[in-house]
Amino acid sequence: MTTSLVYITAENANEARKIAEELVKSGLAACANIMDNMHSIYRWKGKVEEANETVIILKTKTSLVDSLTDKVKSMHSYECPCVVSFPIENGNDAFIQWIRDETV
């Protein structure tokens, strides 16, 4: 059973906290790290934009990423929220087992 990190951007810390709490409470993620005050420069609908955002990094089973993504999309204020996952290939075996144990 593989595990993943999921990277999400949110409009602000309040939105990030709500999303993170729901994902952890529902068992779709074992843990969420919230990092506020990230400055983003991005292209949106043909224009270069800038905004302050909040980052959420989640730890979960790879098999839960699709369900987690659907949940984020249903809660998120953005028209097209950033939700991307990265496989965890190596690390502390006990921590990786913890992720597996704490998710559905």
PDB file of N, CA and C in Angstrom:
ATOM      1  N   MET A   1       0.847  -1.171   0.000  1.00  0.00           N
ATOM      2  CA  MET A   1       0.000   0.000   0.000  1.00  0.00           C
ATOM      3  C   MET A   1       0.896   1.238   0.000  1.00  0.00           C
ATOM      4  N   THR A   2       0.721   2.067  -1.039  1.00  0.00           N
ATOM      5  CA  THR A   2       1.583   3.236  -1.168  1.00  0.00           C
ATOM      6  C   THR A   2       0.961   4.449  -0.486  1.00  0.00           C
ATOM      7  N   THR A   3       1.815   5.415  -0.189  1.00  0.00           N
ATOM      8  CA  THR A   3       1.388   6.650   0.460  1.00  0.00           C
ATOM      9  C   THR A   3       1.809   7.843  -0.388  1.00  0.00           C
ATOM     10  N   SER A   4       1.139   8.967  -0.164  1.00  0.00           N
ATOM     11  CA  SER A   4       1.401  10.167  -0.952  1.00  0.00           C
ATOM     12  C   SER A   4       1.356  11.407  -0.085  1.00  0.00           C
ATOM     13  N   LEU A   5       2.040  12.449  -0.559  1.00  0.00           N
ATOM     14  CA  LEU A   5       1.871  13.802  -0.053  1.00  0.00           C
ATOM     15  C   LEU A   5       0.935  14.501  -1.025  1.00  0.00           C
ATOM     16  N   VAL A   6       0.022  15.297  -0.510  1.00  0.00           N
ATOM     17  CA  VAL A   6      -0.889  16.060  -1.357  1.00  0.00           C
ATOM     18  C   VAL A   6      -0.665  17.543  -1.062  1.00  0.00           C
ATOM     19  N   TYR A   7      -0.452  18.304  -2.112  1.00  0.00           N
ATOM     20  CA  TYR A   7      -0.191  19.748  -2.027  1.00  0.00           C
ATOM     21  C   TYR A   7      -1.438  20.486  -2.496  1.00  0.00           C
ATOM     22  N   ILE A   8      -1.924  21.394  -1.669  1.00  0.00           N
ATOM     23  CA  ILE A   8      -3.127  22.169  -1.972  1.00  0.00           C
ATOM     24  C   ILE A   8      -2.836  23.628  -1.645  1.00  0.00           C
ATOM     25  N   THR A   9      -3.359  24.537  -2.462  1.00  0.00           N
ATOM     26  CA  THR A   9      -3.325  25.948  -2.091  1.00  0.00           C
ATOM     27  C   THR A   9      -4.751  26.386  -1.769  1.00  0.00           C
ATOM     28  N   ALA A  10      -4.869  27.281  -0.799  1.00  0.00           N
ATOM     29  CA  ALA A  10      -6.164  27.809  -0.376  1.00  0.00           C
ATOM     30  C   ALA A  10      -6.098  29.327  -0.354  1.00  0.00           C
ATOM     31  N   GLU A  11      -7.268  29.952  -0.380  1.00  0.00           N
ATOM     32  CA  GLU A  11      -7.340  31.410  -0.423  1.00  0.00           C
ATOM     33  C   GLU A  11      -6.762  32.065   0.829  1.00  0.00           C
ATOM     34  N   ASN A  12      -6.957  31.411   1.991  1.00  0.00           N
ATOM     35  CA  ASN A  12      -6.472  31.985   3.243  1.00  0.00           C
ATOM     36  C   ASN A  12      -6.374  30.881   4.305  1.00  0.00           C
ATOM     37  N   ALA A  13      -5.867  31.241   5.477  1.00  0.00           N
ATOM     38  CA  ALA A  13      -5.655  30.262   6.547  1.00  0.00           C
ATOM     39  C   ALA A  13      -6.962  29.672   7.053  1.00  0.00           C
ATOM     40  N   ASN A  14      -8.009  30.464   7.082  1.00  0.00           N
ATOM     41  CA  ASN A  14      -9.291  29.973   7.562  1.00  0.00           C
ATOM     42  C   ASN A  14      -9.824  28.865   6.636  1.00  0.00           C
ATOM     43  N   GLU A  15      -9.795  29.108   5.344  1.00  0.00           N
ATOM     44  CA  GLU A  15     -10.236  28.086   4.397  1.00  0.00           C
ATOM     45  C   GLU A  15      -9.344  26.840   4.498  1.00  0.00           C
ATOM     46  N   ALA A  16      -8.053  27.048   4.594  1.00  0.00           N
ATOM     47  CA  ALA A  16      -7.122  25.922   4.703  1.00  0.00           C
ATOM     48  C   ALA A  16      -7.418  25.081   5.936  1.00  0.00           C
ATOM     49  N   ARG A  17      -7.675  25.726   7.050  1.00  0.00           N
ATOM     50  CA  ARG A  17      -7.970  25.023   8.304  1.00  0.00           C
ATOM     51  C   ARG A  17      -9.252  24.202   8.173  1.00  0.00           C
ATOM     52  N   LYS A  18     -10.283  24.784   7.582  1.00  0.00           N
ATOM     53  CA  LYS A  18     -11.543  24.058   7.407  1.00  0.00           C
ATOM     54  C   LYS A  18     -11.356  22.816   6.532  1.00  0.00           C
ATOM     55  N   ILE A  19     -10.650  22.975   5.441  1.00  0.00           N
ATOM     56  CA  ILE A  19     -10.401  21.847   4.540  1.00  0.00           C
ATOM     57  C   ILE A  19      -9.574  20.785   5.252  1.00  0.00           C
ATOM     58  N   ALA A  20      -8.488  21.200   5.890  1.00  0.00           N
ATOM     59  CA  ALA A  20      -7.596  20.253   6.564  1.00  0.00           C
ATOM     60  C   ALA A  20      -8.319  19.493   7.668  1.00  0.00           C
ATOM     61  N   GLU A  21      -9.083  20.198   8.484  1.00  0.00           N
ATOM     62  CA  GLU A  21      -9.805  19.541   9.580  1.00  0.00           C
ATOM     63  C   GLU A  21     -10.779  18.500   9.048  1.00  0.00           C
ATOM     64  N   GLU A  22     -11.507  18.824   8.002  1.00  0.00           N
ATOM     65  CA  GLU A  22     -12.469  17.882   7.432  1.00  0.00           C
ATOM     66  C   GLU A  22     -11.768  16.640   6.881  1.00  0.00           C
ATOM     67  N   LEU A  23     -10.651  16.830   6.207  1.00  0.00           N
ATOM     68  CA  LEU A  23      -9.941  15.698   5.620  1.00  0.00           C
ATOM     69  C   LEU A  23      -9.355  14.778   6.686  1.00  0.00           C
ATOM     70  N   VAL A  24      -8.825  15.357   7.754  1.00  0.00           N
ATOM     71  CA  VAL A  24      -8.274  14.532   8.835  1.00  0.00           C
ATOM     72  C   VAL A  24      -9.402  13.858   9.618  1.00  0.00           C
ATOM     73  N   LYS A  25     -10.465  14.603   9.947  1.00  0.00           N
ATOM     74  CA  LYS A  25     -11.591  14.019  10.691  1.00  0.00           C
ATOM     75  C   LYS A  25     -12.232  12.859   9.929  1.00  0.00           C
ATOM     76  N   SER A  26     -12.334  12.989   8.626  1.00  0.00           N
ATOM     77  CA  SER A  26     -12.984  11.952   7.817  1.00  0.00           C
ATOM     78  C   SER A  26     -12.077  10.760   7.526  1.00  0.00           C
ATOM     79  N   GLY A  27     -10.805  10.856   7.890  1.00  0.00           N
ATOM     80  CA  GLY A  27      -9.870   9.766   7.655  1.00  0.00           C
ATOM     81  C   GLY A  27      -9.256   9.757   6.266  1.00  0.00           C
ATOM     82  N   LEU A  28      -9.521  10.800   5.473  1.00  0.00           N
ATOM     83  CA  LEU A  28      -8.923  10.867   4.147  1.00  0.00           C
ATOM     84  C   LEU A  28      -7.458  11.289   4.191  1.00  0.00           C
ATOM     85  N   ALA A  29      -7.042  11.872   5.307  1.00  0.00           N
ATOM     86  CA  ALA A  29      -5.641  12.244   5.514  1.00  0.00           C
ATOM     87  C   ALA A  29      -5.265  11.944   6.959  1.00  0.00           C
ATOM     88  N   ALA A  30      -4.021  11.566   7.163  1.00  0.00           N
ATOM     89  CA  ALA A  30      -3.532  11.299   8.516  1.00  0.00           C
ATOM     90  C   ALA A  30      -3.090  12.590   9.198  1.00  0.00           C
ATOM     91  N   CYS A  31      -2.655  13.551   8.405  1.00  0.00           N
ATOM     92  CA  CYS A  31      -2.064  14.765   8.957  1.00  0.00           C
ATOM     93  C   CYS A  31      -2.143  15.870   7.921  1.00  0.00           C
ATOM     94  N   ALA A  32      -2.238  17.099   8.403  1.00  0.00           N
ATOM     95  CA  ALA A  32      -2.194  18.266   7.522  1.00  0.00           C
ATOM     96  C   ALA A  32      -1.245  19.300   8.103  1.00  0.00           C
ATOM     97  N   ASN A  33      -0.375  19.832   7.279  1.00  0.00           N
ATOM     98  CA  ASN A  33       0.476  20.952   7.645  1.00  0.00           C
ATOM     99  C   ASN A  33      -0.040  22.171   6.901  1.00  0.00           C
ATOM    100  N   ILE A  34      -0.225  23.277   7.619  1.00  0.00           N
ATOM    101  CA  ILE A  34      -0.737  24.504   7.024  1.00  0.00           C
ATOM    102  C   ILE A  34       0.345  25.569   7.119  1.00  0.00           C
ATOM    103  N   MET A  35       0.679  26.140   5.967  1.00  0.00           N
ATOM    104  CA  MET A  35       1.708  27.176   5.895  1.00  0.00           C
ATOM    105  C   MET A  35       1.082  28.426   5.296  1.00  0.00           C
ATOM    106  N   ASP A  36       0.980  29.456   6.091  1.00  0.00           N
ATOM    107  CA  ASP A  36       0.319  30.688   5.673  1.00  0.00           C
ATOM    108  C   ASP A  36       1.315  31.639   5.013  1.00  0.00           C
ATOM    109  N   ASN A  37       0.770  32.629   4.340  1.00  0.00           N
ATOM    110  CA  ASN A  37       1.533  33.730   3.742  1.00  0.00           C
ATOM    111  C   ASN A  37       2.475  33.312   2.626  1.00  0.00           C
ATOM    112  N   MET A  38       2.015  32.420   1.775  1.00  0.00           N
ATOM    113  CA  MET A  38       2.778  32.093   0.578  1.00  0.00           C
ATOM    114  C   MET A  38       2.362  33.096  -0.495  1.00  0.00           C
ATOM    115  N   HIS A  39       3.308  33.627  -1.208  1.00  0.00           N
ATOM    116  CA  HIS A  39       2.996  34.562  -2.292  1.00  0.00           C
ATOM    117  C   HIS A  39       3.054  33.805  -3.605  1.00  0.00           C
ATOM    118  N   SER A  40       1.992  33.869  -4.373  1.00  0.00           N
ATOM    119  CA  SER A  40       1.894  33.148  -5.644  1.00  0.00           C
ATOM    120  C   SER A  40       1.834  34.121  -6.812  1.00  0.00           C
ATOM    121  N   ILE A  41       2.524  33.769  -7.865  1.00  0.00           N
ATOM    122  CA  ILE A  41       2.447  34.460  -9.150  1.00  0.00           C
ATOM    123  C   ILE A  41       2.046  33.396 -10.148  1.00  0.00           C
ATOM    124  N   TYR A  42       0.946  33.623 -10.858  1.00  0.00           N
ATOM    125  CA  TYR A  42       0.403  32.578 -11.720  1.00  0.00           C
ATOM    126  C   TYR A  42      -0.336  33.188 -12.903  1.00  0.00           C
ATOM    127  N   ARG A  43      -0.510  32.383 -13.931  1.00  0.00           N
ATOM    128  CA  ARG A  43      -1.281  32.794 -15.092  1.00  0.00           C
ATOM    129  C   ARG A  43      -2.690  32.249 -14.925  1.00  0.00           C
ATOM    130  N   TRP A  44      -3.694  33.117 -15.046  1.00  0.00           N
ATOM    131  CA  TRP A  44      -5.094  32.705 -14.929  1.00  0.00           C
ATOM    132  C   TRP A  44      -5.899  33.428 -15.992  1.00  0.00           C
ATOM    133  N   LYS A  45      -6.509  32.653 -16.875  1.00  0.00           N
ATOM    134  CA  LYS A  45      -7.353  33.187 -17.947  1.00  0.00           C
ATOM    135  C   LYS A  45      -6.623  34.241 -18.762  1.00  0.00           C
ATOM    136  N   GLY A  46      -5.354  33.912 -19.100  1.00  0.00           N
ATOM    137  CA  GLY A  46      -4.572  34.756 -19.990  1.00  0.00           C
ATOM    138  C   GLY A  46      -3.871  35.935 -19.345  1.00  0.00           C
ATOM    139  N   LYS A  47      -4.026  36.115 -18.046  1.00  0.00           N
ATOM    140  CA  LYS A  47      -3.387  37.233 -17.358  1.00  0.00           C
ATOM    141  C   LYS A  47      -2.473  36.715 -16.251  1.00  0.00           C
ATOM    142  N   VAL A  48      -1.387  37.447 -16.001  1.00  0.00           N
ATOM    143  CA  VAL A  48      -0.513  37.124 -14.879  1.00  0.00           C
ATOM    144  C   VAL A  48      -1.105  37.778 -13.636  1.00  0.00           C
ATOM    145  N   GLU A  49      -1.311  36.960 -12.609  1.00  0.00           N
ATOM    146  CA  GLU A  49      -1.931  37.406 -11.356  1.00  0.00           C
ATOM    147  C   GLU A  49      -0.962  37.178 -10.199  1.00  0.00           C
ATOM    148  N   GLU A  50      -1.206  37.853  -9.097  1.00  0.00           N
ATOM    149  CA  GLU A  50      -0.456  37.636  -7.860  1.00  0.00           C
ATOM    150  C   GLU A  50      -1.442  37.602  -6.703  1.00  0.00           C
ATOM    151  N   ALA A  51      -1.146  36.736  -5.726  1.00  0.00           N
ATOM    152  CA  ALA A  51      -2.016  36.641  -4.551  1.00  0.00           C
ATOM    153  C   ALA A  51      -1.253  36.015  -3.400  1.00  0.00           C
ATOM    154  N   ASN A  52      -1.675  36.342  -2.188  1.00  0.00           N
ATOM    155  CA  ASN A  52      -1.201  35.616  -1.019  1.00  0.00           C
ATOM    156  C   ASN A  52      -2.131  34.427  -0.830  1.00  0.00           C
ATOM    157  N   GLU A  53      -1.561  33.271  -0.566  1.00  0.00           N
ATOM    158  CA  GLU A  53      -2.331  32.053  -0.383  1.00  0.00           C
ATOM    159  C   GLU A  53      -1.799  31.298   0.830  1.00  0.00           C
ATOM    160  N   THR A  54      -2.477  30.228   1.166  1.00  0.00           N
ATOM    161  CA  THR A  54      -2.053  29.338   2.245  1.00  0.00           C
ATOM    162  C   THR A  54      -1.891  27.947   1.654  1.00  0.00           C
ATOM    163  N   VAL A  55      -0.811  27.282   2.022  1.00  0.00           N
ATOM    164  CA  VAL A  55      -0.520  25.941   1.517  1.00  0.00           C
ATOM    165  C   VAL A  55      -0.933  24.898   2.548  1.00  0.00           C
ATOM    166  N   ILE A  56      -1.496  23.821   2.055  1.00  0.00           N
ATOM    167  CA  ILE A  56      -1.797  22.647   2.887  1.00  0.00           C
ATOM    168  C   ILE A  56      -1.001  21.487   2.300  1.00  0.00           C
ATOM    169  N   ILE A  57      -0.276  20.779   3.149  1.00  0.00           N
ATOM    170  CA  ILE A  57       0.393  19.540   2.739  1.00  0.00           C
ATOM    171  C   ILE A  57      -0.205  18.423   3.582  1.00  0.00           C
ATOM    172  N   LEU A  58      -0.727  17.424   2.903  1.00  0.00           N
ATOM    173  CA  LEU A  58      -1.385  16.298   3.562  1.00  0.00           C
ATOM    174  C   LEU A  58      -0.586  15.026   3.360  1.00  0.00           C
ATOM    175  N   LYS A  59      -0.728  14.108   4.319  1.00  0.00           N
ATOM    176  CA  LYS A  59      -0.157  12.768   4.198  1.00  0.00           C
ATOM    177  C   LYS A  59      -1.325  11.795   4.143  1.00  0.00           C
ATOM    178  N   THR A  60      -1.323  10.909   3.125  1.00  0.00           N
ATOM    179  CA  THR A  60      -2.438   9.992   2.947  1.00  0.00           C
ATOM    180  C   THR A  60      -2.008   8.752   2.172  1.00  0.00           C
ATOM    181  N   LYS A  61      -2.919   7.794   2.084  1.00  0.00           N
ATOM    182  CA  LYS A  61      -2.724   6.642   1.213  1.00  0.00           C
ATOM    183  C   LYS A  61      -2.966   7.088  -0.223  1.00  0.00           C
ATOM    184  N   THR A  62      -2.182   6.589  -1.138  1.00  0.00           N
ATOM    185  CA  THR A  62      -2.358   6.915  -2.542  1.00  0.00           C
ATOM    186  C   THR A  62      -3.755   6.533  -3.024  1.00  0.00           C
ATOM    187  N   SER A  63      -4.289   5.465  -2.510  1.00  0.00           N
ATOM    188  CA  SER A  63      -5.623   5.012  -2.917  1.00  0.00           C
ATOM    189  C   SER A  63      -6.729   5.990  -2.521  1.00  0.00           C
ATOM    190  N   LEU A  64      -6.444   6.918  -1.615  1.00  0.00           N
ATOM    191  CA  LEU A  64      -7.446   7.891  -1.162  1.00  0.00           C
ATOM    192  C   LEU A  64      -7.357   9.239  -1.883  1.00  0.00           C
ATOM    193  N   VAL A  65      -6.363   9.417  -2.737  1.00  0.00           N
ATOM    194  CA  VAL A  65      -6.143  10.720  -3.364  1.00  0.00           C
ATOM    195  C   VAL A  65      -7.351  11.171  -4.188  1.00  0.00           C
ATOM    196  N   ASP A  66      -7.973  10.290  -4.941  1.00  0.00           N
ATOM    197  CA  ASP A  66      -9.125  10.697  -5.752  1.00  0.00           C
ATOM    198  C   ASP A  66     -10.289  11.157  -4.873  1.00  0.00           C
ATOM    199  N   SER A  67     -10.594  10.419  -3.817  1.00  0.00           N
ATOM    200  CA  SER A  67     -11.671  10.814  -2.905  1.00  0.00           C
ATOM    201  C   SER A  67     -11.330  12.112  -2.186  1.00  0.00           C
ATOM    202  N   LEU A  68     -10.087  12.243  -1.768  1.00  0.00           N
ATOM    203  CA  LEU A  68      -9.625  13.461  -1.110  1.00  0.00           C
ATOM    204  C   LEU A  68      -9.770  14.652  -2.055  1.00  0.00           C
ATOM    205  N   THR A  69      -9.376  14.485  -3.306  1.00  0.00           N
ATOM    206  CA  THR A  69      -9.485  15.550  -4.302  1.00  0.00           C
ATOM    207  C   THR A  69     -10.937  15.972  -4.493  1.00  0.00           C
ATOM    208  N   ASP A  70     -11.827  15.000  -4.608  1.00  0.00           N
ATOM    209  CA  ASP A  70     -13.249  15.309  -4.760  1.00  0.00           C
ATOM    210  C   ASP A  70     -13.770  16.105  -3.570  1.00  0.00           C
ATOM    211  N   LYS A  71     -13.364  15.722  -2.364  1.00  0.00           N
ATOM    212  CA  LYS A  71     -13.804  16.426  -1.162  1.00  0.00           C
ATOM    213  C   LYS A  71     -13.293  17.866  -1.158  1.00  0.00           C
ATOM    214  N   VAL A  72     -12.019  18.052  -1.511  1.00  0.00           N
ATOM    215  CA  VAL A  72     -11.450  19.402  -1.565  1.00  0.00           C
ATOM    216  C   VAL A  72     -12.215  20.245  -2.579  1.00  0.00           C
ATOM    217  N   LYS A  73     -12.460  19.713  -3.759  1.00  0.00           N
ATOM    218  CA  LYS A  73     -13.181  20.465  -4.793  1.00  0.00           C
ATOM    219  C   LYS A  73     -14.571  20.869  -4.322  1.00  0.00           C
ATOM    220  N   SER A  74     -15.211  20.036  -3.517  1.00  0.00           N
ATOM    221  CA  SER A  74     -16.557  20.358  -3.035  1.00  0.00           C
ATOM    222  C   SER A  74     -16.553  21.447  -1.961  1.00  0.00           C
ATOM    223  N   MET A  75     -15.427  21.659  -1.297  1.00  0.00           N
ATOM    224  CA  MET A  75     -15.328  22.625  -0.201  1.00  0.00           C
ATOM    225  C   MET A  75     -14.617  23.923  -0.592  1.00  0.00           C
ATOM    226  N   HIS A  76     -13.850  23.893  -1.656  1.00  0.00           N
ATOM    227  CA  HIS A  76     -12.913  24.967  -1.984  1.00  0.00           C
ATOM    228  C   HIS A  76     -13.601  26.151  -2.645  1.00  0.00           C
ATOM    229  N   SER A  77     -13.093  27.352  -2.375  1.00  0.00           N
ATOM    230  CA  SER A  77     -13.661  28.558  -2.965  1.00  0.00           C
ATOM    231  C   SER A  77     -13.178  28.817  -4.396  1.00  0.00           C
ATOM    232  N   TYR A  78     -12.073  28.202  -4.793  1.00  0.00           N
ATOM    233  CA  TYR A  78     -11.533  28.454  -6.130  1.00  0.00           C
ATOM    234  C   TYR A  78     -12.313  27.690  -7.193  1.00  0.00           C
ATOM    235  N   GLU A  79     -12.394  28.275  -8.367  1.00  0.00           N
ATOM    236  CA  GLU A  79     -13.006  27.619  -9.521  1.00  0.00           C
ATOM    237  C   GLU A  79     -12.207  26.371  -9.924  1.00  0.00           C
ATOM    238  N   CYS A  80     -10.896  26.459  -9.823  1.00  0.00           N
ATOM    239  CA  CYS A  80     -10.014  25.353 -10.210  1.00  0.00           C
ATOM    240  C   CYS A  80      -8.913  25.205  -9.155  1.00  0.00           C
ATOM    241  N   PRO A  81      -9.217  24.569  -8.010  1.00  0.00           N
ATOM    242  CA  PRO A  81      -8.219  24.498  -6.936  1.00  0.00           C
ATOM    243  C   PRO A  81      -7.021  23.622  -7.295  1.00  0.00           C
ATOM    244  N   CYS A  82      -5.874  24.021  -6.794  1.00  0.00           N
ATOM    245  CA  CYS A  82      -4.656  23.227  -6.934  1.00  0.00           C
ATOM    246  C   CYS A  82      -4.715  22.079  -5.935  1.00  0.00           C
ATOM    247  N   VAL A  83      -4.777  20.863  -6.445  1.00  0.00           N
ATOM    248  CA  VAL A  83      -4.696  19.651  -5.629  1.00  0.00           C
ATOM    249  C   VAL A  83      -3.836  18.684  -6.436  1.00  0.00           C
ATOM    250  N   VAL A  84      -2.596  18.464  -6.003  1.00  0.00           N
ATOM    251  CA  VAL A  84      -1.696  17.548  -6.702  1.00  0.00           C
ATOM    252  C   VAL A  84      -1.034  16.627  -5.682  1.00  0.00           C
ATOM    253  N   SER A  85      -0.721  15.423  -6.128  1.00  0.00           N
ATOM    254  CA  SER A  85      -0.120  14.463  -5.194  1.00  0.00           C
ATOM    255  C   SER A  85       1.239  14.001  -5.698  1.00  0.00           C
ATOM    256  N   PHE A  86       2.047  13.597  -4.745  1.00  0.00           N
ATOM    257  CA  PHE A  86       3.399  13.101  -5.004  1.00  0.00           C
ATOM    258  C   PHE A  86       3.590  11.818  -4.213  1.00  0.00           C
ATOM    259  N   PRO A  87       4.058  10.764  -4.836  1.00  0.00           N
ATOM    260  CA  PRO A  87       4.256   9.522  -4.084  1.00  0.00           C
ATOM    261  C   PRO A  87       5.385   9.662  -3.062  1.00  0.00           C
ATOM    262  N   ILE A  88       5.195   9.051  -1.924  1.00  0.00           N
ATOM    263  CA  ILE A  88       6.264   8.956  -0.930  1.00  0.00           C
ATOM    264  C   ILE A  88       7.023   7.673  -1.254  1.00  0.00           C
ATOM    265  N   GLU A  89       8.259   7.827  -1.666  1.00  0.00           N
ATOM    266  CA  GLU A  89       9.027   6.668  -2.103  1.00  0.00           C
ATOM    267  C   GLU A  89       9.887   6.077  -0.991  1.00  0.00           C
ATOM    268  N   ASN A  90      10.379   6.901  -0.109  1.00  0.00           N
ATOM    269  CA  ASN A  90      11.253   6.445   0.967  1.00  0.00           C
ATOM    270  C   ASN A  90      11.032   7.322   2.184  1.00  0.00           C
ATOM    271  N   GLY A  91      11.478   6.841   3.321  1.00  0.00           N
ATOM    272  CA  GLY A  91      11.384   7.633   4.536  1.00  0.00           C
ATOM    273  C   GLY A  91      11.344   6.748   5.760  1.00  0.00           C
ATOM    274  N   ASN A  92      10.951   7.329   6.854  1.00  0.00           N
ATOM    275  CA  ASN A  92      10.856   6.627   8.126  1.00  0.00           C
ATOM    276  C   ASN A  92       9.717   5.613   8.032  1.00  0.00           C
ATOM    277  N   ASP A  93      10.063   4.331   8.049  1.00  0.00           N
ATOM    278  CA  ASP A  93       9.056   3.269   7.903  1.00  0.00           C
ATOM    279  C   ASP A  93       7.953   3.379   8.955  1.00  0.00           C
ATOM    280  N   ALA A  94       8.311   3.746  10.173  1.00  0.00           N
ATOM    281  CA  ALA A  94       7.309   3.872  11.240  1.00  0.00           C
ATOM    282  C   ALA A  94       6.336   5.010  10.930  1.00  0.00           C
ATOM    283  N   PHE A  95       6.829   6.107  10.377  1.00  0.00           N
ATOM    284  CA  PHE A  95       5.961   7.227  10.023  1.00  0.00           C
ATOM    285  C   PHE A  95       5.037   6.845   8.872  1.00  0.00           C
ATOM    286  N   ILE A  96       5.576   6.182   7.882  1.00  0.00           N
ATOM    287  CA  ILE A  96       4.767   5.745   6.743  1.00  0.00           C
ATOM    288  C   ILE A  96       3.690   4.764   7.205  1.00  0.00           C
ATOM    289  N   GLN A  97       4.012   3.887   8.132  1.00  0.00           N
ATOM    290  CA  GLN A  97       3.016   2.984   8.686  1.00  0.00           C
ATOM    291  C   GLN A  97       1.948   3.763   9.449  1.00  0.00           C
ATOM    292  N   TRP A  98       2.358   4.793  10.163  1.00  0.00           N
ATOM    293  CA  TRP A  98       1.410   5.647  10.874  1.00  0.00           C
ATOM    294  C   TRP A  98       0.388   6.264   9.917  1.00  0.00           C
ATOM    295  N   ILE A  99       0.856   6.745   8.764  1.00  0.00           N
ATOM    296  CA  ILE A  99      -0.056   7.293   7.755  1.00  0.00           C
ATOM    297  C   ILE A  99      -1.093   6.234   7.371  1.00  0.00           C
ATOM    298  N   ARG A 100      -0.628   5.046   7.114  1.00  0.00           N
ATOM    299  CA  ARG A 100      -1.541   3.942   6.734  1.00  0.00           C
ATOM    300  C   ARG A 100      -2.542   3.644   7.850  1.00  0.00           C
ATOM    301  N   ASP A 101      -2.067   3.639   9.082  1.00  0.00           N
ATOM    302  CA  ASP A 101      -2.928   3.299  10.225  1.00  0.00           C
ATOM    303  C   ASP A 101      -3.977   4.367  10.508  1.00  0.00           C
ATOM    304  N   GLU A 102      -3.679   5.610  10.211  1.00  0.00           N
ATOM    305  CA  GLU A 102      -4.563   6.713  10.589  1.00  0.00           C
ATOM    306  C   GLU A 102      -5.510   7.163   9.484  1.00  0.00           C
ATOM    307  N   THR A 103      -5.508   6.473   8.364  1.00  0.00           N
ATOM    308  CA  THR A 103      -6.427   6.796   7.276  1.00  0.00           C
ATOM    309  C   THR A 103      -7.371   5.612   7.049  1.00  0.00           C
ATOM    310  N   VAL A 104      -8.503   5.903   6.389  1.00  0.00           N
ATOM    311  CA  VAL A 104      -9.510   4.858   6.170  1.00  0.00           C
ATOM    312  C   VAL A 104      -9.080   3.893   5.079  1.00  0.00           C
TER     313      VAL A 104
END
